[in-house]
mmCIF file of all heavy atoms, coordinates in Angstrom:
data_MODEL
# 
_entry.id   MODEL 
# 
loop_
_atom_site.group_PDB 
_atom_site.id 
_atom_site.type_symbol 
_atom_site.label_atom_id 
_atom_site.label_alt_id 
_atom_site.label_comp_id 
_atom_site.label_asym_id 
_atom_site.label_entity_id 
_atom_site.label_seq_id 
_atom_site.pdbx_PDB_ins_code 
_atom_site.Cartn_x 
_atom_site.Cartn_y 
_atom_site.Cartn_z 
_atom_site.occupancy 
_atom_site.B_iso_or_equiv 
_atom_site.pdbx_formal_charge 
_atom_site.auth_seq_id 
_atom_site.auth_comp_id 
_atom_site.auth_asym_id 
_atom_site.auth_atom_id 
_atom_site.pdbx_PDB_model_num 
ATOM 1   N N   . MET A 1 1  ? -13.875 9.832  -14.897 1.00 0.00 ? 1  MET A N   1 
ATOM 2   C CA  . MET A 1 1  ? -13.304 10.673 -13.843 1.00 0.00 ? 1  MET A CA  1 
ATOM 3   C C   . MET A 1 1  ? -12.938 9.838  -12.617 1.00 0.00 ? 1  MET A C   1 
ATOM 4   O O   . MET A 1 1  ? -11.848 9.970  -12.046 1.00 0.00 ? 1  MET A O   1 
ATOM 5   C CB  . MET A 1 1  ? -14.290 11.775 -13.438 1.00 0.00 ? 1  MET A CB  1 
ATOM 6   C CG  . MET A 1 1  ? -14.509 12.849 -14.479 1.00 0.00 ? 1  MET A CG  1 
ATOM 7   S SD  . MET A 1 1  ? -15.814 14.006 -13.918 1.00 0.00 ? 1  MET A SD  1 
ATOM 8   C CE  . MET A 1 1  ? -15.762 15.227 -15.233 1.00 0.00 ? 1  MET A CE  1 
ATOM 9   N N   . SER A 1 2  ? -13.858 8.962  -12.220 1.00 0.00 ? 2  SER A N   1 
ATOM 10  C CA  . SER A 1 2  ? -13.631 8.118  -11.037 1.00 0.00 ? 2  SER A CA  1 
ATOM 11  C C   . SER A 1 2  ? -12.483 7.148  -11.258 1.00 0.00 ? 2  SER A C   1 
ATOM 12  O O   . SER A 1 2  ? -11.636 6.979  -10.365 1.00 0.00 ? 2  SER A O   1 
ATOM 13  C CB  . SER A 1 2  ? -14.918 7.349  -10.687 1.00 0.00 ? 2  SER A CB  1 
ATOM 14  O OG  . SER A 1 2  ? -15.978 8.227  -10.400 1.00 0.00 ? 2  SER A OG  1 
ATOM 15  N N   . ALA A 1 3  ? -12.454 6.520  -12.422 1.00 0.00 ? 3  ALA A N   1 
ATOM 16  C CA  . ALA A 1 3  ? -11.374 5.557  -12.719 1.00 0.00 ? 3  ALA A CA  1 
ATOM 17  C C   . ALA A 1 3  ? -10.025 6.251  -12.770 1.00 0.00 ? 3  ALA A C   1 
ATOM 18  O O   . ALA A 1 3  ? -9.018  5.734  -12.278 1.00 0.00 ? 3  ALA A O   1 
ATOM 19  C CB  . ALA A 1 3  ? -11.668 4.858  -14.033 1.00 0.00 ? 3  ALA A CB  1 
ATOM 20  N N   . TYR A 1 4  ? -10.010 7.438  -13.359 1.00 0.00 ? 4  TYR A N   1 
ATOM 21  C CA  . TYR A 1 4  ? -8.751  8.197  -13.433 1.00 0.00 ? 4  TYR A CA  1 
ATOM 22  C C   . TYR A 1 4  ? -8.249  8.550  -12.050 1.00 0.00 ? 4  TYR A C   1 
ATOM 23  O O   . TYR A 1 4  ? -7.054  8.405  -11.747 1.00 0.00 ? 4  TYR A O   1 
ATOM 24  C CB  . TYR A 1 4  ? -8.983  9.452  -14.270 1.00 0.00 ? 4  TYR A CB  1 
ATOM 25  C CG  . TYR A 1 4  ? -7.785  10.342 -14.376 1.00 0.00 ? 4  TYR A CG  1 
ATOM 26  C CD1 . TYR A 1 4  ? -6.796  10.112 -15.338 1.00 0.00 ? 4  TYR A CD1 1 
ATOM 27  C CD2 . TYR A 1 4  ? -7.596  11.444 -13.518 1.00 0.00 ? 4  TYR A CD2 1 
ATOM 28  C CE1 . TYR A 1 4  ? -5.679  10.928 -15.446 1.00 0.00 ? 4  TYR A CE1 1 
ATOM 29  C CE2 . TYR A 1 4  ? -6.488  12.263 -13.629 1.00 0.00 ? 4  TYR A CE2 1 
ATOM 30  C CZ  . TYR A 1 4  ? -5.536  11.991 -14.585 1.00 0.00 ? 4  TYR A CZ  1 
ATOM 31  O OH  . TYR A 1 4  ? -4.413  12.795 -14.680 1.00 0.00 ? 4  TYR A OH  1 
ATOM 32  N N   . GLN A 1 5  ? -9.153  8.984  -11.181 1.00 0.00 ? 5  GLN A N   1 
ATOM 33  C CA  . GLN A 1 5  ? -8.751  9.368  -9.826  1.00 0.00 ? 5  GLN A CA  1 
ATOM 34  C C   . GLN A 1 5  ? -8.297  8.159  -9.020  1.00 0.00 ? 5  GLN A C   1 
ATOM 35  O O   . GLN A 1 5  ? -7.351  8.231  -8.229  1.00 0.00 ? 5  GLN A O   1 
ATOM 36  C CB  . GLN A 1 5  ? -9.894  10.092 -9.115  1.00 0.00 ? 5  GLN A CB  1 
ATOM 37  C CG  . GLN A 1 5  ? -9.480  10.744 -7.813  1.00 0.00 ? 5  GLN A CG  1 
ATOM 38  C CD  . GLN A 1 5  ? -8.456  11.861 -8.015  1.00 0.00 ? 5  GLN A CD  1 
ATOM 39  O OE1 . GLN A 1 5  ? -8.444  12.516 -9.045  1.00 0.00 ? 5  GLN A OE1 1 
ATOM 40  N NE2 . GLN A 1 5  ? -7.593  12.033 -7.033  1.00 0.00 ? 5  GLN A NE2 1 
ATOM 41  N N   . LEU A 1 6  ? -8.994  7.032  -9.206  1.00 0.00 ? 6  LEU A N   1 
ATOM 42  C CA  . LEU A 1 6  ? -8.570  5.780  -8.545  1.00 0.00 ? 6  LEU A CA  1 
ATOM 43  C C   . LEU A 1 6  ? -7.147  5.425  -8.938  1.00 0.00 ? 6  LEU A C   1 
ATOM 44  O O   . LEU A 1 6  ? -6.333  5.048  -8.081  1.00 0.00 ? 6  LEU A O   1 
ATOM 45  C CB  . LEU A 1 6  ? -9.529  4.649  -8.946  1.00 0.00 ? 6  LEU A CB  1 
ATOM 46  C CG  . LEU A 1 6  ? -9.183  3.245  -8.430  1.00 0.00 ? 6  LEU A CG  1 
ATOM 47  C CD1 . LEU A 1 6  ? -9.242  3.172  -6.903  1.00 0.00 ? 6  LEU A CD1 1 
ATOM 48  C CD2 . LEU A 1 6  ? -10.121 2.208  -9.054  1.00 0.00 ? 6  LEU A CD2 1 
ATOM 49  N N   . ALA A 1 7  ? -6.839  5.577  -10.229 1.00 0.00 ? 7  ALA A N   1 
ATOM 50  C CA  . ALA A 1 7  ? -5.478  5.287  -10.688 1.00 0.00 ? 7  ALA A CA  1 
ATOM 51  C C   . ALA A 1 7  ? -4.477  6.289  -10.107 1.00 0.00 ? 7  ALA A C   1 
ATOM 52  O O   . ALA A 1 7  ? -3.383  5.905  -9.682  1.00 0.00 ? 7  ALA A O   1 
ATOM 53  C CB  . ALA A 1 7  ? -5.434  5.334  -12.209 1.00 0.00 ? 7  ALA A CB  1 
ATOM 54  N N   . GLN A 1 8  ? -4.844  7.565  -10.077 1.00 0.00 ? 8  GLN A N   1 
ATOM 55  C CA  . GLN A 1 8  ? -3.977  8.587  -9.544  1.00 0.00 ? 8  GLN A CA  1 
ATOM 56  C C   . GLN A 1 8  ? -3.572  8.304  -8.098  1.00 0.00 ? 8  GLN A C   1 
ATOM 57  O O   . GLN A 1 8  ? -2.445  8.522  -7.696  1.00 0.00 ? 8  GLN A O   1 
ATOM 58  C CB  . GLN A 1 8  ? -4.664  9.962  -9.610  1.00 0.00 ? 8  GLN A CB  1 
ATOM 59  C CG  . GLN A 1 8  ? -4.668  10.591 -10.983 1.00 0.00 ? 8  GLN A CG  1 
ATOM 60  C CD  . GLN A 1 8  ? -3.356  11.285 -11.313 1.00 0.00 ? 8  GLN A CD  1 
ATOM 61  O OE1 . GLN A 1 8  ? -2.276  10.705 -11.244 1.00 0.00 ? 8  GLN A OE1 1 
ATOM 62  N NE2 . GLN A 1 8  ? -3.444  12.539 -11.675 1.00 0.00 ? 8  GLN A NE2 1 
ATOM 63  N N   . GLU A 1 9  ? -4.515  7.789  -7.333  1.00 0.00 ? 9  GLU A N   1 
ATOM 64  C CA  . GLU A 1 9  ? -4.285  7.582  -5.898  1.00 0.00 ? 9  GLU A CA  1 
ATOM 65  C C   . GLU A 1 9  ? -3.675  6.210  -5.589  1.00 0.00 ? 9  GLU A C   1 
ATOM 66  O O   . GLU A 1 9  ? -3.188  6.026  -4.465  1.00 0.00 ? 9  GLU A O   1 
ATOM 67  C CB  . GLU A 1 9  ? -5.605  7.744  -5.129  1.00 0.00 ? 9  GLU A CB  1 
ATOM 68  C CG  . GLU A 1 9  ? -6.174  9.159  -5.203  1.00 0.00 ? 9  GLU A CG  1 
ATOM 69  C CD  . GLU A 1 9  ? -7.427  9.328  -4.383  1.00 0.00 ? 9  GLU A CD  1 
ATOM 70  O OE1 . GLU A 1 9  ? -7.633  8.531  -3.437  1.00 0.00 ? 9  GLU A OE1 1 
ATOM 71  O OE2 . GLU A 1 9  ? -8.220  10.259 -4.672  1.00 0.00 ? 9  GLU A OE2 1 
ATOM 72  N N   . ASN A 1 10 ? -3.676  5.298  -6.541  1.00 0.00 ? 10 ASN A N   1 
ATOM 73  C CA  . ASN A 1 10 ? -3.267  3.926  -6.203  1.00 0.00 ? 10 ASN A CA  1 
ATOM 74  C C   . ASN A 1 10 ? -2.145  3.347  -7.084  1.00 0.00 ? 10 ASN A C   1 
ATOM 75  O O   . ASN A 1 10 ? -1.456  2.433  -6.625  1.00 0.00 ? 10 ASN A O   1 
ATOM 76  C CB  . ASN A 1 10 ? -4.468  2.986  -6.259  1.00 0.00 ? 10 ASN A CB  1 
ATOM 77  C CG  . ASN A 1 10 ? -5.453  3.253  -5.154  1.00 0.00 ? 10 ASN A CG  1 
ATOM 78  O OD1 . ASN A 1 10 ? -5.316  2.771  -4.035  1.00 0.00 ? 10 ASN A OD1 1 
ATOM 79  N ND2 . ASN A 1 10 ? -6.490  4.043  -5.458  1.00 0.00 ? 10 ASN A ND2 1 
ATOM 80  N N   . LEU A 1 11 ? -1.969  3.844  -8.295  1.00 0.00 ? 11 LEU A N   1 
ATOM 81  C CA  . LEU A 1 11 ? -0.919  3.298  -9.136  1.00 0.00 ? 11 LEU A CA  1 
ATOM 82  C C   . LEU A 1 11 ? 0.423   3.970  -8.857  1.00 0.00 ? 11 LEU A C   1 
ATOM 83  O O   . LEU A 1 11 ? 0.483   5.092  -8.389  1.00 0.00 ? 11 LEU A O   1 
ATOM 84  C CB  . LEU A 1 11 ? -1.282  3.508  -10.624 1.00 0.00 ? 11 LEU A CB  1 
ATOM 85  C CG  . LEU A 1 11 ? -2.454  2.683  -11.147 1.00 0.00 ? 11 LEU A CG  1 
ATOM 86  C CD1 . LEU A 1 11 ? -2.618  2.906  -12.656 1.00 0.00 ? 11 LEU A CD1 1 
ATOM 87  C CD2 . LEU A 1 11 ? -2.307  1.201  -10.842 1.00 0.00 ? 11 LEU A CD2 1 
ATOM 88  N N   . LYS A 1 12 ? 1.478   3.228  -9.154  1.00 0.00 ? 12 LYS A N   1 
ATOM 89  C CA  . LYS A 1 12 ? 2.837   3.762  -8.985  1.00 0.00 ? 12 LYS A CA  1 
ATOM 90  C C   . LYS A 1 12 ? 3.192   4.684  -10.151 1.00 0.00 ? 12 LYS A C   1 
ATOM 91  O O   . LYS A 1 12 ? 2.516   4.707  -11.179 1.00 0.00 ? 12 LYS A O   1 
ATOM 92  C CB  . LYS A 1 12 ? 3.827   2.588  -8.891  1.00 0.00 ? 12 LYS A CB  1 
ATOM 93  C CG  . LYS A 1 12 ? 3.624   1.690  -7.684  1.00 0.00 ? 12 LYS A CG  1 
ATOM 94  C CD  . LYS A 1 12 ? 4.635   0.566  -7.660  1.00 0.00 ? 12 LYS A CD  1 
ATOM 95  C CE  . LYS A 1 12 ? 4.397   -0.417 -8.790  1.00 0.00 ? 12 LYS A CE  1 
ATOM 96  N NZ  . LYS A 1 12 ? 5.275   -1.614 -8.690  1.00 0.00 ? 12 LYS A NZ  1 
ATOM 97  N N   . ASP A 1 13 ? 4.301   5.417  -9.984  1.00 0.00 ? 13 ASP A N   1 
ATOM 98  C CA  . ASP A 1 13 ? 4.699   6.396  -10.984 1.00 0.00 ? 13 ASP A CA  1 
ATOM 99  C C   . ASP A 1 13 ? 4.925   5.765  -12.354 1.00 0.00 ? 13 ASP A C   1 
ATOM 100 O O   . ASP A 1 13 ? 4.649   6.406  -13.383 1.00 0.00 ? 13 ASP A O   1 
ATOM 101 C CB  . ASP A 1 13 ? 5.968   7.121  -10.549 1.00 0.00 ? 13 ASP A CB  1 
ATOM 102 C CG  . ASP A 1 13 ? 5.721   8.056  -9.372  1.00 0.00 ? 13 ASP A CG  1 
ATOM 103 O OD1 . ASP A 1 13 ? 4.538   8.361  -9.109  1.00 0.00 ? 13 ASP A OD1 1 
ATOM 104 O OD2 . ASP A 1 13 ? 6.699   8.461  -8.727  1.00 0.00 ? 13 ASP A OD2 1 
ATOM 105 N N   . ASP A 1 14 ? 5.435   4.528  -12.382 1.00 0.00 ? 14 ASP A N   1 
ATOM 106 C CA  . ASP A 1 14 ? 5.749   3.903  -13.671 1.00 0.00 ? 14 ASP A CA  1 
ATOM 107 C C   . ASP A 1 14 ? 4.610   3.011  -14.173 1.00 0.00 ? 14 ASP A C   1 
ATOM 108 O O   . ASP A 1 14 ? 4.770   2.329  -15.187 1.00 0.00 ? 14 ASP A O   1 
ATOM 109 C CB  . ASP A 1 14 ? 7.050   3.102  -13.580 1.00 0.00 ? 14 ASP A CB  1 
ATOM 110 C CG  . ASP A 1 14 ? 7.042   2.070  -12.449 1.00 0.00 ? 14 ASP A CG  1 
ATOM 111 O OD1 . ASP A 1 14 ? 6.111   2.094  -11.623 1.00 0.00 ? 14 ASP A OD1 1 
ATOM 112 O OD2 . ASP A 1 14 ? 7.985   1.230  -12.396 1.00 0.00 ? 14 ASP A OD2 1 
ATOM 113 N N   . ASP A 1 15 ? 3.482   2.987  -13.486 1.00 0.00 ? 15 ASP A N   1 
ATOM 114 C CA  . ASP A 1 15 ? 2.312   2.254  -13.964 1.00 0.00 ? 15 ASP A CA  1 
ATOM 115 C C   . ASP A 1 15 ? 1.533   3.107  -14.973 1.00 0.00 ? 15 ASP A C   1 
ATOM 116 O O   . ASP A 1 15 ? 1.641   4.333  -14.981 1.00 0.00 ? 15 ASP A O   1 
ATOM 117 C CB  . ASP A 1 15 ? 1.376   1.879  -12.797 1.00 0.00 ? 15 ASP A CB  1 
ATOM 118 C CG  . ASP A 1 15 ? 1.934   0.771  -11.929 1.00 0.00 ? 15 ASP A CG  1 
ATOM 119 O OD1 . ASP A 1 15 ? 2.762   -0.014 -12.436 1.00 0.00 ? 15 ASP A OD1 1 
ATOM 120 O OD2 . ASP A 1 15 ? 1.562   0.698  -10.738 1.00 0.00 ? 15 ASP A OD2 1 
ATOM 121 N N   . ILE A 1 16 ? 0.745   2.430  -15.791 1.00 0.00 ? 16 ILE A N   1 
ATOM 122 C CA  . ILE A 1 16 ? -0.001  3.116  -16.854 1.00 0.00 ? 16 ILE A CA  1 
ATOM 123 C C   . ILE A 1 16 ? -1.454  2.672  -16.844 1.00 0.00 ? 16 ILE A C   1 
ATOM 124 O O   . ILE A 1 16 ? -1.749  1.473  -16.909 1.00 0.00 ? 16 ILE A O   1 
ATOM 125 C CB  . ILE A 1 16 ? 0.623   2.823  -18.240 1.00 0.00 ? 16 ILE A CB  1 
ATOM 126 C CG1 . ILE A 1 16 ? 2.086   3.269  -18.278 1.00 0.00 ? 16 ILE A CG1 1 
ATOM 127 C CG2 . ILE A 1 16 ? -0.175  3.534  -19.333 1.00 0.00 ? 16 ILE A CG2 1 
ATOM 128 C CD1 . ILE A 1 16 ? 2.811   2.863  -19.548 1.00 0.00 ? 16 ILE A CD1 1 
ATOM 129 N N   . LEU A 1 17 ? -2.360  3.628  -16.743 1.00 0.00 ? 17 LEU A N   1 
ATOM 130 C CA  . LEU A 1 17 ? -3.793  3.364  -16.866 1.00 0.00 ? 17 LEU A CA  1 
ATOM 131 C C   . LEU A 1 17 ? -4.170  3.371  -18.341 1.00 0.00 ? 17 LEU A C   1 
ATOM 132 O O   . LEU A 1 17 ? -3.790  4.276  -19.077 1.00 0.00 ? 17 LEU A O   1 
ATOM 133 C CB  . LEU A 1 17 ? -4.579  4.436  -16.118 1.00 0.00 ? 17 LEU A CB  1 
ATOM 134 C CG  . LEU A 1 17 ? -6.106  4.415  -16.289 1.00 0.00 ? 17 LEU A CG  1 
ATOM 135 C CD1 . LEU A 1 17 ? -6.708  3.149  -15.668 1.00 0.00 ? 17 LEU A CD1 1 
ATOM 136 C CD2 . LEU A 1 17 ? -6.731  5.670  -15.671 1.00 0.00 ? 17 LEU A CD2 1 
ATOM 137 N N   . VAL A 1 18 ? -4.930  2.353  -18.767 1.00 0.00 ? 18 VAL A N   1 
ATOM 138 C CA  . VAL A 1 18 ? -5.351  2.264  -20.160 1.00 0.00 ? 18 VAL A CA  1 
ATOM 139 C C   . VAL A 1 18 ? -6.880  2.282  -20.202 1.00 0.00 ? 18 VAL A C   1 
ATOM 140 O O   . VAL A 1 18 ? -7.528  1.361  -19.696 1.00 0.00 ? 18 VAL A O   1 
ATOM 141 C CB  . VAL A 1 18 ? -4.826  0.974  -20.836 1.00 0.00 ? 18 VAL A CB  1 
ATOM 142 C CG1 . VAL A 1 18 ? -5.185  0.995  -22.336 1.00 0.00 ? 18 VAL A CG1 1 
ATOM 143 C CG2 . VAL A 1 18 ? -3.312  0.847  -20.641 1.00 0.00 ? 18 VAL A CG2 1 
ATOM 144 N N   . LEU A 1 19 ? -7.455  3.321  -20.790 1.00 0.00 ? 19 LEU A N   1 
ATOM 145 C CA  . LEU A 1 19 ? -8.906  3.489  -20.820 1.00 0.00 ? 19 LEU A CA  1 
ATOM 146 C C   . LEU A 1 19 ? -9.444  3.242  -22.217 1.00 0.00 ? 19 LEU A C   1 
ATOM 147 O O   . LEU A 1 19 ? -9.011  3.866  -23.188 1.00 0.00 ? 19 LEU A O   1 
ATOM 148 C CB  . LEU A 1 19 ? -9.271  4.912  -20.382 1.00 0.00 ? 19 LEU A CB  1 
ATOM 149 C CG  . LEU A 1 19 ? -8.952  5.269  -18.933 1.00 0.00 ? 19 LEU A CG  1 
ATOM 150 C CD1 . LEU A 1 19 ? -9.138  6.758  -18.705 1.00 0.00 ? 19 LEU A CD1 1 
ATOM 151 C CD2 . LEU A 1 19 ? -9.844  4.478  -17.976 1.00 0.00 ? 19 LEU A CD2 1 
ATOM 152 N N   . ASP A 1 20 ? -10.421 2.320  -22.319 1.00 0.00 ? 20 ASP A N   1 
ATOM 153 C CA  . ASP A 1 20 ? -11.020 2.075  -23.648 1.00 0.00 ? 20 ASP A CA  1 
ATOM 154 C C   . ASP A 1 20 ? -11.969 3.203  -24.040 1.00 0.00 ? 20 ASP A C   1 
ATOM 155 O O   . ASP A 1 20 ? -12.218 3.446  -25.214 1.00 0.00 ? 20 ASP A O   1 
ATOM 156 C CB  . ASP A 1 20 ? -11.737 0.711  -23.686 1.00 0.00 ? 20 ASP A CB  1 
ATOM 157 C CG  . ASP A 1 20 ? -12.841 0.591  -22.657 1.00 0.00 ? 20 ASP A CG  1 
ATOM 158 O OD1 . ASP A 1 20 ? -12.878 1.409  -21.738 1.00 0.00 ? 20 ASP A OD1 1 
ATOM 159 O OD2 . ASP A 1 20 ? -13.650 -0.358 -22.786 1.00 0.00 ? 20 ASP A OD2 1 
ATOM 160 N N   . GLU A 1 21 ? -12.510 3.903  -23.040 1.00 0.00 ? 21 GLU A N   1 
ATOM 161 C CA  . GLU A 1 21 ? -13.346 5.080  -23.300 1.00 0.00 ? 21 GLU A CA  1 
ATOM 162 C C   . GLU A 1 21 ? -12.920 6.169  -22.320 1.00 0.00 ? 21 GLU A C   1 
ATOM 163 O O   . GLU A 1 21 ? -13.459 6.278  -21.225 1.00 0.00 ? 21 GLU A O   1 
ATOM 164 C CB  . GLU A 1 21 ? -14.822 4.751  -23.159 1.00 0.00 ? 21 GLU A CB  1 
ATOM 165 C CG  . GLU A 1 21 ? -15.333 3.779  -24.236 1.00 0.00 ? 21 GLU A CG  1 
ATOM 166 C CD  . GLU A 1 21 ? -16.840 3.580  -24.188 1.00 0.00 ? 21 GLU A CD  1 
ATOM 167 O OE1 . GLU A 1 21 ? -17.480 4.123  -23.261 1.00 0.00 ? 21 GLU A OE1 1 
ATOM 168 O OE2 . GLU A 1 21 ? -17.370 2.914  -25.081 1.00 0.00 ? 21 GLU A OE2 1 
ATOM 169 N N   . GLY A 1 22 ? -11.961 6.977  -22.741 1.00 0.00 ? 22 GLY A N   1 
ATOM 170 C CA  . GLY A 1 22 ? -11.396 7.995  -21.861 1.00 0.00 ? 22 GLY A CA  1 
ATOM 171 C C   . GLY A 1 22 ? -12.042 9.362  -22.055 1.00 0.00 ? 22 GLY A C   1 
ATOM 172 O O   . GLY A 1 22 ? -13.148 9.494  -22.584 1.00 0.00 ? 22 GLY A O   1 
ATOM 173 N N   . PHE A 1 23 ? -11.331 10.401 -21.651 1.00 0.00 ? 23 PHE A N   1 
ATOM 174 C CA  . PHE A 1 23 ? -11.884 11.760 -21.677 1.00 0.00 ? 23 PHE A CA  1 
ATOM 175 C C   . PHE A 1 23 ? -12.187 12.211 -23.106 1.00 0.00 ? 23 PHE A C   1 
ATOM 176 O O   . PHE A 1 23 ? -13.228 12.833 -23.361 1.00 0.00 ? 23 PHE A O   1 
ATOM 177 C CB  . PHE A 1 23 ? -10.906 12.736 -21.010 1.00 0.00 ? 23 PHE A CB  1 
ATOM 178 C CG  . PHE A 1 23 ? -10.738 12.508 -19.537 1.00 0.00 ? 23 PHE A CG  1 
ATOM 179 C CD1 . PHE A 1 23 ? -9.617  11.868 -19.040 1.00 0.00 ? 23 PHE A CD1 1 
ATOM 180 C CD2 . PHE A 1 23 ? -11.728 12.912 -18.653 1.00 0.00 ? 23 PHE A CD2 1 
ATOM 181 C CE1 . PHE A 1 23 ? -9.466  11.662 -17.672 1.00 0.00 ? 23 PHE A CE1 1 
ATOM 182 C CE2 . PHE A 1 23 ? -11.594 12.704 -17.281 1.00 0.00 ? 23 PHE A CE2 1 
ATOM 183 C CZ  . PHE A 1 23 ? -10.451 12.065 -16.784 1.00 0.00 ? 23 PHE A CZ  1 
ATOM 184 N N   . TYR A 1 24 ? -11.305 11.921 -24.040 1.00 0.00 ? 24 TYR A N   1 
ATOM 185 C CA  . TYR A 1 24 ? -11.549 12.319 -25.430 1.00 0.00 ? 24 TYR A CA  1 
ATOM 186 C C   . TYR A 1 24 ? -12.745 11.588 -26.019 1.00 0.00 ? 24 TYR A C   1 
ATOM 187 O O   . TYR A 1 24 ? -13.579 12.165 -26.722 1.00 0.00 ? 24 TYR A O   1 
ATOM 188 C CB  . TYR A 1 24 ? -10.306 12.098 -26.287 1.00 0.00 ? 24 TYR A CB  1 
ATOM 189 C CG  . TYR A 1 24 ? -9.354  13.274 -26.270 1.00 0.00 ? 24 TYR A CG  1 
ATOM 190 C CD1 . TYR A 1 24 ? -8.269  13.292 -25.392 1.00 0.00 ? 24 TYR A CD1 1 
ATOM 191 C CD2 . TYR A 1 24 ? -9.562  14.374 -27.094 1.00 0.00 ? 24 TYR A CD2 1 
ATOM 192 C CE1 . TYR A 1 24 ? -7.398  14.386 -25.369 1.00 0.00 ? 24 TYR A CE1 1 
ATOM 193 C CE2 . TYR A 1 24 ? -8.707  15.466 -27.070 1.00 0.00 ? 24 TYR A CE2 1 
ATOM 194 C CZ  . TYR A 1 24 ? -7.627  15.460 -26.204 1.00 0.00 ? 24 TYR A CZ  1 
ATOM 195 O OH  . TYR A 1 24 ? -6.785  16.553 -26.171 1.00 0.00 ? 24 TYR A OH  1 
ATOM 196 N N   . HIS A 1 25 ? -12.844 10.302 -25.717 1.00 0.00 ? 25 HIS A N   1 
ATOM 197 C CA  . HIS A 1 25 ? -13.946 9.519  -26.275 1.00 0.00 ? 25 HIS A CA  1 
ATOM 198 C C   . HIS A 1 25 ? -15.287 10.019 -25.723 1.00 0.00 ? 25 HIS A C   1 
ATOM 199 O O   . HIS A 1 25 ? -16.257 10.193 -26.462 1.00 0.00 ? 25 HIS A O   1 
ATOM 200 C CB  . HIS A 1 25 ? -13.786 8.039  -25.950 1.00 0.00 ? 25 HIS A CB  1 
ATOM 201 C CG  . HIS A 1 25 ? -14.808 7.169  -26.581 1.00 0.00 ? 25 HIS A CG  1 
ATOM 202 N ND1 . HIS A 1 25 ? -14.704 6.731  -27.885 1.00 0.00 ? 25 HIS A ND1 1 
ATOM 203 C CD2 . HIS A 1 25 ? -16.003 6.691  -26.126 1.00 0.00 ? 25 HIS A CD2 1 
ATOM 204 C CE1 . HIS A 1 25 ? -15.768 6.000  -28.190 1.00 0.00 ? 25 HIS A CE1 1 
ATOM 205 N NE2 . HIS A 1 25 ? -16.564 5.955  -27.140 1.00 0.00 ? 25 HIS A NE2 1 
ATOM 206 N N   . LYS A 1 26 ? -15.345 10.254 -24.403 1.00 0.00 ? 26 LYS A N   1 
ATOM 207 C CA  . LYS A 1 26 ? -16.579 10.744 -23.800 1.00 0.00 ? 26 LYS A CA  1 
ATOM 208 C C   . LYS A 1 26 ? -16.930 12.120 -24.324 1.00 0.00 ? 26 LYS A C   1 
ATOM 209 O O   . LYS A 1 26 ? -18.103 12.453 -24.540 1.00 0.00 ? 26 LYS A O   1 
ATOM 210 C CB  . LYS A 1 26 ? -16.438 10.777 -22.279 1.00 0.00 ? 26 LYS A CB  1 
ATOM 211 C CG  . LYS A 1 26 ? -16.361 9.412  -21.615 1.00 0.00 ? 26 LYS A CG  1 
ATOM 212 C CD  . LYS A 1 26 ? -17.653 8.646  -21.767 1.00 0.00 ? 26 LYS A CD  1 
ATOM 213 C CE  . LYS A 1 26 ? -17.635 7.366  -20.967 1.00 0.00 ? 26 LYS A CE  1 
ATOM 214 N NZ  . LYS A 1 26 ? -18.895 6.589  -21.119 1.00 0.00 ? 26 LYS A NZ  1 
ATOM 215 N N   . THR A 1 27 ? -15.916 12.948 -24.563 1.00 0.00 ? 27 THR A N   1 
ATOM 216 C CA  . THR A 1 27 ? -16.167 14.272 -25.134 1.00 0.00 ? 27 THR A CA  1 
ATOM 217 C C   . THR A 1 27 ? -16.772 14.146 -26.543 1.00 0.00 ? 27 THR A C   1 
ATOM 218 O O   . THR A 1 27 ? -17.687 14.882 -26.892 1.00 0.00 ? 27 THR A O   1 
ATOM 219 C CB  . THR A 1 27 ? -14.857 15.086 -25.197 1.00 0.00 ? 27 THR A CB  1 
ATOM 220 O OG1 . THR A 1 27 ? -14.342 15.258 -23.865 1.00 0.00 ? 27 THR A OG1 1 
ATOM 221 C CG2 . THR A 1 27 ? -15.091 16.449 -25.829 1.00 0.00 ? 27 THR A CG2 1 
# 
């Protein structure tokens, strides 16, 4: 959640966050 929000607030529109353990994995 924290990493996703950090990306939301700091990355540009055409940037891409890549999570090795994202929401689906944690679920």
